[in-house]
Amino acid sequence: MEIGCPLCNGLIDFSQPCAVCGSGMEDSGMLEDYYGPYSPYGNIEFYEPDEELQTTGVAACVHLFACPKCGYDKRISFPEVTL
């Protein structure tokens, strides 16, 4: 069995309102891809999932969501699922 991110694999639709202006935020992709081709080999702590998922030991994919209107951004973790 293979596991993967439900958002990366198109299994879910996700929307998040901006905490600052209320506009719809856009998925900017996996956080590790956002910072460059060698970023997956960098500091792993930067890409760790939310504390809630860290305590359960569930593998997660961290995405960067950004507001196109005001520029606010937020990391959101998605627990990996069986594909």
Protein backbone atom coordinates (compact mmCIF):
# COMPACT_ATOMS: atom_id res chain seq x y z
CA MET A 1 0.00 0.00 0.00
CA GLU A 2 1.11 3.50 -0.77
CA ILE A 3 0.40 6.55 1.38
CA GLY A 4 0.26 10.14 0.23
CA CYS A 5 -1.23 13.56 0.68
CA PRO A 6 -4.95 13.74 -0.13
CA LEU A 7 -4.61 17.33 -1.36
CA CYS A 8 -1.58 16.67 -3.60
CA ASN A 9 -3.37 13.67 -5.11
CA GLY A 10 -6.66 15.50 -5.73
CA LEU A 11 -8.66 13.40 -3.30
CA ILE A 12 -10.04 16.40 -1.41
CA ASP A 13 -10.98 20.00 -2.08
CA PHE A 14 -9.90 22.42 0.60
CA SER A 15 -10.63 26.10 1.09
CA GLN A 16 -9.49 28.40 3.86
CA PRO A 17 -10.61 31.99 4.46
CA CYS A 18 -7.88 34.50 5.20
CA ALA A 19 -7.61 35.31 8.92
CA VAL A 20 -6.75 38.93 8.08
CA CYS A 21 -9.10 40.02 5.29
CA GLY A 22 -11.53 37.10 4.85
CA SER A 23 -10.69 36.45 1.17
CA GLY A 24 -10.21 32.90 -0.04
CA MET A 25 -6.64 31.69 0.36
CA GLU A 26 -4.90 29.76 -2.41
CA ASP A 27 -2.80 26.61 -2.12
CA SER A 28 0.79 27.49 -3.01
CA GLY A 29 1.83 23.84 -2.87
CA MET A 30 3.92 21.73 -0.56
CA LEU A 31 5.98 23.88 1.75
CA GLU A 32 9.21 22.04 0.97
CA ASP A 33 8.75 22.63 -2.78
CA TYR A 34 7.96 26.30 -2.27
CA TYR A 35 11.42 27.16 -0.99
CA GLY A 36 13.49 25.52 -3.76
CA PRO A 37 14.71 22.22 -5.17
CA TYR A 38 17.08 21.42 -2.29
CA SER A 39 14.77 22.48 0.51
CA PRO A 40 13.60 18.89 1.27
CA TYR A 41 17.17 18.25 2.41
CA GLY A 42 17.22 21.26 4.72
CA ASN A 43 16.03 21.75 8.28
CA ILE A 44 13.23 19.20 8.77
CA GLU A 45 11.81 21.08 11.77
CA PHE A 46 10.67 23.85 9.41
CA TYR A 47 8.39 21.41 7.56
CA GLU A 48 6.94 19.61 10.56
CA PRO A 49 3.16 19.25 10.79
CA ASP A 50 0.96 21.03 13.30
CA GLU A 51 1.53 20.14 16.96
CA GLU A 52 -1.76 18.23 16.98
CA LEU A 53 -0.46 15.80 14.33
CA GLN A 54 3.03 15.61 15.82
CA THR A 55 1.65 14.12 19.04
CA THR A 56 -0.27 11.39 17.16
CA GLY A 57 2.72 10.35 15.05
CA VAL A 58 0.66 10.59 11.85
CA ALA A 59 2.68 11.42 8.73
CA ALA A 60 1.58 14.70 7.16
CA CYS A 61 2.14 16.91 4.14
CA VAL A 62 2.52 20.61 4.97
CA HIS A 63 1.11 23.05 2.41
CA LEU A 64 1.55 26.81 2.23
CA PHE A 65 -1.70 28.72 1.72
CA ALA A 66 -1.48 32.39 0.74
CA CYS A 67 -4.02 35.17 0.40
CA PRO A 68 -3.80 36.83 -3.03
CA LYS A 69 -5.44 39.98 -1.67
CA CYS A 70 -3.39 40.88 1.42
CA GLY A 71 -0.40 38.50 1.26
CA TYR A 72 -1.05 36.70 4.55
CA ASP A 73 0.18 33.10 4.49
CA LYS A 74 -0.29 30.07 6.69
CA ARG A 75 1.07 26.53 6.89
CA ILE A 76 -1.62 23.83 6.95
CA SER A 77 -0.91 20.14 7.57
CA PHE A 78 -2.80 17.34 5.84
CA PRO A 79 -2.54 13.84 7.33
CA GLU A 80 -1.37 11.35 4.72
CA VAL A 81 -3.83 8.63 3.71
CA THR A 82 -3.71 5.26 1.97
CA LEU A 83 -4.00 5.79 -1.78
